[in-house]
Amino acid sequence: MNEIRAYPDGPLLVRGDFQLVDEDGEPIPASRRTVALCRCGRTGIPPFCDGTHTLPIKRR
């Protein structure tokens, strides 16, 4: 079964058989059957979540 679950103030968790593609339709390698996709835009490894959303936002 495929599932996409949105966590409040967190990532989208994608489980199952899926293929990720970029805006041009090119495949994005996913090495696992469960991945967390970033929704905050602050990740260092897009499109995957690296937990950056849990860190305080630095103000200039």
PDB file of N, CA and C in Angstrom:
ATOM      1  N   MET A   1       0.844  -1.185   0.000  1.00  0.00           N
ATOM      2  CA  MET A   1       0.000   0.000   0.000  1.00  0.00           C
ATOM      3  C   MET A   1       0.890   1.250   0.000  1.00  0.00           C
ATOM      4  N   ASN A   2       0.536   2.204  -0.805  1.00  0.00           N
ATOM      5  CA  ASN A   2       1.241   3.486  -0.830  1.00  0.00           C
ATOM      6  C   ASN A   2       0.546   4.446   0.119  1.00  0.00           C
ATOM      7  N   GLU A   3       1.336   5.291   0.760  1.00  0.00           N
ATOM      8  CA  GLU A   3       0.762   6.245   1.705  1.00  0.00           C
ATOM      9  C   GLU A   3       1.610   7.507   1.717  1.00  0.00           C
ATOM     10  N   ILE A   4       0.948   8.655   1.768  1.00  0.00           N
ATOM     11  CA  ILE A   4       1.612   9.939   1.986  1.00  0.00           C
ATOM     12  C   ILE A   4       0.961  10.545   3.217  1.00  0.00           C
ATOM     13  N   ARG A   5       1.779  10.823   4.227  1.00  0.00           N
ATOM     14  CA  ARG A   5       1.253  11.364   5.474  1.00  0.00           C
ATOM     15  C   ARG A   5       1.923  12.704   5.762  1.00  0.00           C
ATOM     16  N   ALA A   6       1.132  13.719   6.020  1.00  0.00           N
ATOM     17  CA  ALA A   6       1.647  15.050   6.354  1.00  0.00           C
ATOM     18  C   ALA A   6       1.690  15.196   7.868  1.00  0.00           C
ATOM     19  N   TYR A   7       2.851  15.551   8.381  1.00  0.00           N
ATOM     20  CA  TYR A   7       2.999  15.774   9.812  1.00  0.00           C
ATOM     21  C   TYR A   7       2.951  17.266  10.101  1.00  0.00           C
ATOM     22  N   PRO A   8       2.200  17.671  11.132  1.00  0.00           N
ATOM     23  CA  PRO A   8       2.119  19.094  11.466  1.00  0.00           C
ATOM     24  C   PRO A   8       3.515  19.667  11.719  1.00  0.00           C
ATOM     25  N   ASP A   9       3.829  20.770  11.089  1.00  0.00           N
ATOM     26  CA  ASP A   9       5.134  21.426  11.233  1.00  0.00           C
ATOM     27  C   ASP A   9       6.294  20.478  10.940  1.00  0.00           C
ATOM     28  N   GLY A  10       6.066  19.521  10.050  1.00  0.00           N
ATOM     29  CA  GLY A  10       7.106  18.551   9.712  1.00  0.00           C
ATOM     30  C   GLY A  10       7.020  18.141   8.256  1.00  0.00           C
ATOM     31  N   PRO A  11       7.655  17.024   7.928  1.00  0.00           N
ATOM     32  CA  PRO A  11       7.753  16.595   6.534  1.00  0.00           C
ATOM     33  C   PRO A  11       6.521  15.851   6.040  1.00  0.00           C
ATOM     34  N   LEU A  12       6.544  15.552   4.750  1.00  0.00           N
ATOM     35  CA  LEU A  12       5.620  14.584   4.165  1.00  0.00           C
ATOM     36  C   LEU A  12       6.340  13.247   4.201  1.00  0.00           C
ATOM     37  N   LEU A  13       5.723  12.243   4.808  1.00  0.00           N
ATOM     38  CA  LEU A  13       6.314  10.917   4.852  1.00  0.00           C
ATOM     39  C   LEU A  13       5.667  10.083   3.758  1.00  0.00           C
ATOM     40  N   VAL A  14       6.481   9.581   2.833  1.00  0.00           N
ATOM     41  CA  VAL A  14       5.993   8.804   1.690  1.00  0.00           C
ATOM     42  C   VAL A  14       6.440   7.366   1.888  1.00  0.00           C
ATOM     43  N   ARG A  15       5.459   6.426   1.839  1.00  0.00           N
ATOM     44  CA  ARG A  15       5.758   5.004   2.031  1.00  0.00           C
ATOM     45  C   ARG A  15       5.201   4.201   0.873  1.00  0.00           C
ATOM     46  N   GLY A  16       5.938   3.154   0.480  1.00  0.00           N
ATOM     47  CA  GLY A  16       5.436   2.239  -0.538  1.00  0.00           C
ATOM     48  C   GLY A  16       6.303   2.233  -1.776  1.00  0.00           C
ATOM     49  N   ASP A  17       5.694   1.790  -2.874  1.00  0.00           N
ATOM     50  CA  ASP A  17       6.375   1.789  -4.171  1.00  0.00           C
ATOM     51  C   ASP A  17       6.050   3.098  -4.873  1.00  0.00           C
ATOM     52  N   PHE A  18       7.044   3.908  -5.104  1.00  0.00           N
ATOM     53  CA  PHE A  18       6.825   5.216  -5.710  1.00  0.00           C
ATOM     54  C   PHE A  18       8.065   5.607  -6.492  1.00  0.00           C
ATOM     55  N   GLN A  19       7.915   6.595  -7.349  1.00  0.00           N
ATOM     56  CA  GLN A  19       9.052   7.177  -8.055  1.00  0.00           C
ATOM     57  C   GLN A  19       8.979   8.680  -7.877  1.00  0.00           C
ATOM     58  N   LEU A  20      10.061   9.269  -7.395  1.00  0.00           N
ATOM     59  CA  LEU A  20      10.156  10.721  -7.282  1.00  0.00           C
ATOM     60  C   LEU A  20      10.745  11.266  -8.567  1.00  0.00           C
ATOM     61  N   VAL A  21      10.174  12.361  -9.057  1.00  0.00           N
ATOM     62  CA  VAL A  21      10.711  13.018 -10.245  1.00  0.00           C
ATOM     63  C   VAL A  21      10.835  14.512  -9.975  1.00  0.00           C
ATOM     64  N   ASP A  22      11.783  15.156 -10.656  1.00  0.00           N
ATOM     65  CA  ASP A  22      11.950  16.598 -10.508  1.00  0.00           C
ATOM     66  C   ASP A  22      11.001  17.334 -11.451  1.00  0.00           C
ATOM     67  N   GLU A  23      11.133  18.659 -11.505  1.00  0.00           N
ATOM     68  CA  GLU A  23      10.212  19.470 -12.309  1.00  0.00           C
ATOM     69  C   GLU A  23      10.304  19.177 -13.799  1.00  0.00           C
ATOM     70  N   ASP A  24      11.412  18.559 -14.229  1.00  0.00           N
ATOM     71  CA  ASP A  24      11.570  18.192 -15.639  1.00  0.00           C
ATOM     72  C   ASP A  24      11.180  16.745 -15.915  1.00  0.00           C
ATOM     73  N   GLY A  25      10.707  16.052 -14.882  1.00  0.00           N
ATOM     74  CA  GLY A  25      10.320  14.656 -15.044  1.00  0.00           C
ATOM     75  C   GLY A  25      11.469  13.674 -14.906  1.00  0.00           C
ATOM     76  N   GLU A  26      12.640  14.184 -14.517  1.00  0.00           N
ATOM     77  CA  GLU A  26      13.806  13.318 -14.330  1.00  0.00           C
ATOM     78  C   GLU A  26      13.726  12.636 -12.965  1.00  0.00           C
ATOM     79  N   PRO A  27      14.043  11.346 -12.896  1.00  0.00           N
ATOM     80  CA  PRO A  27      13.975  10.626 -11.620  1.00  0.00           C
ATOM     81  C   PRO A  27      14.937  11.187 -10.575  1.00  0.00           C
ATOM     82  N   ILE A  28      14.477  11.204  -9.335  1.00  0.00           N
ATOM     83  CA  ILE A  28      15.297  11.550  -8.181  1.00  0.00           C
ATOM     84  C   ILE A  28      15.491  10.247  -7.412  1.00  0.00           C
ATOM     85  N   PRO A  29      16.731   9.782  -7.270  1.00  0.00           N
ATOM     86  CA  PRO A  29      16.952   8.504  -6.593  1.00  0.00           C
ATOM     87  C   PRO A  29      16.488   8.540  -5.138  1.00  0.00           C
ATOM     88  N   ALA A  30      15.738   7.533  -4.752  1.00  0.00           N
ATOM     89  CA  ALA A  30      15.325   7.336  -3.365  1.00  0.00           C
ATOM     90  C   ALA A  30      15.758   5.926  -2.994  1.00  0.00           C
ATOM     91  N   SER A  31      16.642   5.812  -2.034  1.00  0.00           N
ATOM     92  CA  SER A  31      17.232   4.515  -1.711  1.00  0.00           C
ATOM     93  C   SER A  31      16.388   3.675  -0.760  1.00  0.00           C
ATOM     94  N   ARG A  32      15.272   4.228  -0.301  1.00  0.00           N
ATOM     95  CA  ARG A  32      14.419   3.493   0.649  1.00  0.00           C
ATOM     96  C   ARG A  32      12.967   3.503   0.191  1.00  0.00           C
ATOM     97  N   ARG A  33      12.175   2.621   0.783  1.00  0.00           N
ATOM     98  CA  ARG A  33      10.739   2.573   0.485  1.00  0.00           C
ATOM     99  C   ARG A  33       9.957   3.576   1.329  1.00  0.00           C
ATOM    100  N   THR A  34      10.611   4.217   2.285  1.00  0.00           N
ATOM    101  CA  THR A  34      10.002   5.276   3.086  1.00  0.00           C
ATOM    102  C   THR A  34      10.953   6.461   3.072  1.00  0.00           C
ATOM    103  N   VAL A  35      10.453   7.621   2.657  1.00  0.00           N
ATOM    104  CA  VAL A  35      11.266   8.837   2.652  1.00  0.00           C
ATOM    105  C   VAL A  35      10.468   9.987   3.251  1.00  0.00           C
ATOM    106  N   ALA A  36      11.185  10.952   3.807  1.00  0.00           N
ATOM    107  CA  ALA A  36      10.578  12.168   4.339  1.00  0.00           C
ATOM    108  C   ALA A  36      10.928  13.309   3.390  1.00  0.00           C
ATOM    109  N   LEU A  37       9.895  13.961   2.866  1.00  0.00           N
ATOM    110  CA  LEU A  37      10.090  15.076   1.941  1.00  0.00           C
ATOM    111  C   LEU A  37       9.910  16.395   2.687  1.00  0.00           C
ATOM    112  N   CYS A  38      10.832  17.319   2.453  1.00  0.00           N
ATOM    113  CA  CYS A  38      10.833  18.616   3.123  1.00  0.00           C
ATOM    114  C   CYS A  38       9.635  19.462   2.692  1.00  0.00           C
ATOM    115  N   ARG A  39       9.023  20.137   3.669  1.00  0.00           N
ATOM    116  CA  ARG A  39       7.966  21.111   3.371  1.00  0.00           C
ATOM    117  C   ARG A  39       8.355  22.515   3.803  1.00  0.00           C
ATOM    118  N   CYS A  40       9.449  22.659   4.580  1.00  0.00           N
ATOM    119  CA  CYS A  40       9.803  23.987   5.091  1.00  0.00           C
ATOM    120  C   CYS A  40      10.719  24.757   4.145  1.00  0.00           C
ATOM    121  N   GLY A  41      11.390  24.056   3.225  1.00  0.00           N
ATOM    122  CA  GLY A  41      12.289  24.714   2.291  1.00  0.00           C
ATOM    123  C   GLY A  41      13.666  25.018   2.845  1.00  0.00           C
ATOM    124  N   ARG A  42      13.972  24.567   4.059  1.00  0.00           N
ATOM    125  CA  ARG A  42      15.258  24.881   4.690  1.00  0.00           C
ATOM    126  C   ARG A  42      16.245  23.720   4.654  1.00  0.00           C
ATOM    127  N   THR A  43      15.861  22.593   4.114  1.00  0.00           N
ATOM    128  CA  THR A  43      16.714  21.410   4.113  1.00  0.00           C
ATOM    129  C   THR A  43      18.000  21.616   3.321  1.00  0.00           C
ATOM    130  N   GLY A  44      19.036  20.911   3.714  1.00  0.00           N
ATOM    131  CA  GLY A  44      20.292  20.951   2.982  1.00  0.00           C
ATOM    132  C   GLY A  44      20.403  19.838   1.955  1.00  0.00           C
ATOM    133  N   ILE A  45      19.391  18.948   1.912  1.00  0.00           N
ATOM    134  CA  ILE A  45      19.417  17.812   0.985  1.00  0.00           C
ATOM    135  C   ILE A  45      18.089  17.696   0.230  1.00  0.00           C
ATOM    136  N   PRO A  46      17.679  18.759  -0.466  1.00  0.00           N
ATOM    137  CA  PRO A  46      16.382  18.740  -1.133  1.00  0.00           C
ATOM    138  C   PRO A  46      16.270  17.603  -2.145  1.00  0.00           C
ATOM    139  N   PRO A  47      15.112  17.010  -2.285  1.00  0.00           N
ATOM    140  CA  PRO A  47      13.830  17.352  -1.685  1.00  0.00           C
ATOM    141  C   PRO A  47      13.586  16.672  -0.348  1.00  0.00           C
ATOM    142  N   PHE A  48      14.620  16.012   0.201  1.00  0.00           N
ATOM    143  CA  PHE A  48      14.437  15.224   1.417  1.00  0.00           C
ATOM    144  C   PHE A  48      14.579  16.078   2.672  1.00  0.00           C
ATOM    145  N   CYS A  49      13.853  15.699   3.709  1.00  0.00           N
ATOM    146  CA  CYS A  49      13.905  16.396   4.994  1.00  0.00           C
ATOM    147  C   CYS A  49      15.174  15.995   5.736  1.00  0.00           C
ATOM    148  N   ASP A  50      15.868  16.980   6.319  1.00  0.00           N
ATOM    149  CA  ASP A  50      17.040  16.692   7.144  1.00  0.00           C
ATOM    150  C   ASP A  50      16.834  17.136   8.591  1.00  0.00           C
ATOM    151  N   GLY A  51      15.602  17.489   8.942  1.00  0.00           N
ATOM    152  CA  GLY A  51      15.287  17.889  10.307  1.00  0.00           C
ATOM    153  C   GLY A  51      15.518  19.357  10.597  1.00  0.00           C
ATOM    154  N   THR A  52      15.921  20.135   9.608  1.00  0.00           N
ATOM    155  CA  THR A  52      16.202  21.557   9.809  1.00  0.00           C
ATOM    156  C   THR A  52      14.985  22.303  10.349  1.00  0.00           C
ATOM    157  N   HIS A  53      13.779  21.831  10.039  1.00  0.00           N
ATOM    158  CA  HIS A  53      12.566  22.515  10.505  1.00  0.00           C
ATOM    159  C   HIS A  53      12.483  22.571  12.033  1.00  0.00           C
ATOM    160  N   THR A  54      13.260  21.732  12.723  1.00  0.00           N
ATOM    161  CA  THR A  54      13.226  21.727  14.187  1.00  0.00           C
ATOM    162  C   THR A  54      14.167  22.758  14.800  1.00  0.00           C
ATOM    163  N   LEU A  55      15.042  23.356  13.971  1.00  0.00           N
ATOM    164  CA  LEU A  55      16.008  24.341  14.469  1.00  0.00           C
ATOM    165  C   LEU A  55      15.405  25.741  14.469  1.00  0.00           C
ATOM    166  N   PRO A  56      15.856  26.594  15.384  1.00  0.00           N
ATOM    167  CA  PRO A  56      15.354  27.973  15.382  1.00  0.00           C
ATOM    168  C   PRO A  56      15.760  28.699  14.101  1.00  0.00           C
ATOM    169  N   ILE A  57      14.899  29.596  13.654  1.00  0.00           N
ATOM    170  CA  ILE A  57      15.203  30.412  12.479  1.00  0.00           C
ATOM    171  C   ILE A  57      16.115  31.554  12.919  1.00  0.00           C
ATOM    172  N   LYS A  58      17.252  31.704  12.229  1.00  0.00           N
ATOM    173  CA  LYS A  58      18.186  32.791  12.558  1.00  0.00           C
ATOM    174  C   LYS A  58      17.692  34.084  11.933  1.00  0.00           C
ATOM    175  N   ARG A  59      17.590  35.107  12.737  1.00  0.00           N
ATOM    176  CA  ARG A  59      17.172  36.434  12.269  1.00  0.00           C
ATOM    177  C   ARG A  59      18.407  37.275  12.021  1.00  0.00           C
ATOM    178  N   ARG A  60      18.390  38.084  10.979  1.00  0.00           N
ATOM    179  CA  ARG A  60      19.532  38.973  10.688  1.00  0.00           C
ATOM    180  C   ARG A  60      19.289  40.329  11.255  1.00  0.00           C
TER     181      ARG A  60
END
